[in-house]
């Protein structure tokens, strides 16, 4: 399945969900969705990867870029429902030092 992204609000937090394959093709969509969140609501954003089947190096670069952009403005991007194969990549590149991974949206929202 090609990658798809959508923005929703859950537990009063903006949630960007990525389904399918996270590759360079999602770059503009992911960035546009993040930027569409009002500044006042961007303090903490959840990135739901529970339906992400695959992430390649370009997709990983998108993820790193999103987290870096958020941190430059003292904002947080937390990850939710990360599959084991994707989590290993996040650990290998050291991104794990800059994000918190939650098992599900309910748990992530409980730490708001």
Protein backbone atom coordinates (compact mmCIF):
# COMPACT_ATOMS: atom_id res chain seq x y z
CA UNK A 1 0.00 0.00 0.00
CA UNK A 2 1.29 3.45 -0.88
CA UNK A 3 1.61 5.82 2.03
CA UNK A 4 -1.27 7.96 3.20
CA UNK A 5 -1.36 10.65 5.85
CA UNK A 6 -4.24 12.28 7.65
CA UNK A 7 -4.66 14.82 10.40
CA UNK A 8 -7.14 14.43 13.21
CA UNK A 9 -7.56 15.52 16.79
CA UNK A 10 -7.61 12.92 19.53
CA UNK A 11 -7.76 13.64 23.24
CA UNK A 12 -7.36 17.37 22.45
CA UNK A 13 -4.04 16.75 20.67
CA UNK A 14 -3.26 16.97 16.96
CA UNK A 15 -2.49 13.53 15.54
CA UNK A 16 -0.89 12.91 12.17
CA UNK A 17 -1.44 9.30 11.12
CA UNK A 18 0.77 7.61 8.54
CA UNK A 19 -0.56 4.43 6.92
CA UNK A 20 1.27 2.19 4.48
CA UNK A 21 4.74 3.06 3.25
CA UNK A 22 6.56 6.13 4.57
CA UNK A 23 8.72 7.23 1.65
CA UNK A 24 9.75 10.45 -0.06
CA UNK A 25 6.35 10.62 -1.77
CA UNK A 26 4.81 11.56 1.59
CA UNK A 27 7.22 14.42 2.21
CA UNK A 28 5.13 17.30 1.00
CA UNK A 29 1.89 15.89 2.44
CA UNK A 30 3.43 15.28 5.85
CA UNK A 31 5.03 18.72 5.98
CA UNK A 32 1.83 20.42 4.79
CA UNK A 33 -0.26 18.64 7.40
CA UNK A 34 2.15 19.57 10.17
CA UNK A 35 2.22 23.21 9.01
CA UNK A 36 -1.59 23.28 8.81
CA UNK A 37 -1.84 22.77 12.57
CA UNK A 38 -2.36 26.18 14.18
CA UNK A 39 0.75 27.42 16.00
CA UNK A 40 -1.10 27.43 19.32
CA UNK A 41 -1.91 23.72 18.91
CA UNK A 42 1.55 22.67 17.76
CA UNK A 43 3.12 22.54 21.23
CA UNK A 44 2.81 18.75 21.15
CA UNK A 45 1.92 16.68 18.11
CA UNK A 46 1.46 12.92 18.03
CA UNK A 47 2.68 11.03 14.98
CA UNK A 48 0.72 7.78 14.80
CA UNK A 49 2.81 5.15 13.03
CA UNK A 50 0.69 2.16 14.06
CA UNK A 51 -0.38 1.59 10.44
CA UNK A 52 3.05 2.30 8.94
CA UNK A 53 4.20 -0.91 7.27
CA UNK A 54 7.53 0.29 5.95
CA UNK A 55 9.88 3.24 6.18
CA UNK A 56 12.85 3.74 3.88
CA UNK A 57 15.81 6.11 4.27
CA UNK A 58 13.89 9.00 2.68
CA UNK A 59 10.96 8.40 5.03
CA UNK A 60 13.33 8.29 7.97
CA UNK A 61 14.83 11.60 6.82
CA UNK A 62 11.29 13.08 6.74
CA UNK A 63 10.75 11.92 10.30
CA UNK A 64 14.07 13.37 11.47
CA UNK A 65 13.30 16.66 9.72
CA UNK A 66 9.86 16.90 11.33
CA UNK A 67 11.25 16.25 14.82
CA UNK A 68 14.10 18.74 14.26
CA UNK A 69 11.75 21.47 13.05
CA UNK A 70 9.55 20.98 16.08
CA UNK A 71 12.46 21.08 18.51
CA UNK A 72 13.82 24.29 16.97
CA UNK A 73 10.64 25.96 18.21
CA UNK A 74 10.60 24.14 21.58
CA UNK A 75 7.82 21.84 20.42
CA UNK A 76 7.39 18.10 20.80
CA UNK A 77 6.63 15.36 18.30
CA UNK A 78 5.89 12.06 20.04
CA UNK A 79 5.56 8.76 18.21
CA UNK A 80 2.71 6.31 18.73
CA UNK A 81 2.28 2.64 17.88
CA UNK A 82 5.66 2.19 16.22
CA UNK A 83 6.15 -1.24 14.63
CA UNK A 84 9.27 -3.15 15.75
CA UNK A 85 11.00 -2.88 12.35
CA UNK A 86 10.49 0.90 12.27
CA UNK A 87 11.54 1.22 15.92
CA UNK A 88 14.84 -0.52 15.14
CA UNK A 89 15.58 2.06 12.44
CA UNK A 90 14.73 4.90 14.82
CA UNK A 91 17.13 3.41 17.35
CA UNK A 92 19.91 2.85 14.77
CA UNK A 93 19.91 6.47 13.61
CA UNK A 94 19.74 7.79 17.19
CA UNK A 95 16.36 9.49 16.81
CA UNK A 96 15.23 7.57 19.90
CA UNK A 97 17.19 10.14 21.96
CA UNK A 98 14.86 12.92 20.77
CA UNK A 99 11.40 11.34 20.81
CA UNK A 100 9.19 9.43 23.17
CA UNK A 101 7.45 6.35 21.81
CA UNK A 102 4.07 5.36 23.20
CA UNK A 103 2.26 2.08 22.56
CA UNK A 104 -1.07 3.75 21.70
CA UNK A 105 -2.88 7.09 21.49
CA UNK A 106 -4.63 6.65 24.83
CA UNK A 107 -1.32 6.21 26.67
CA UNK A 108 0.28 9.13 24.79
CA UNK A 109 -2.64 11.42 25.57
CA UNK A 110 -2.50 10.48 29.24
CA UNK A 111 0.91 12.15 29.50
CA UNK A 112 -0.24 15.50 28.12
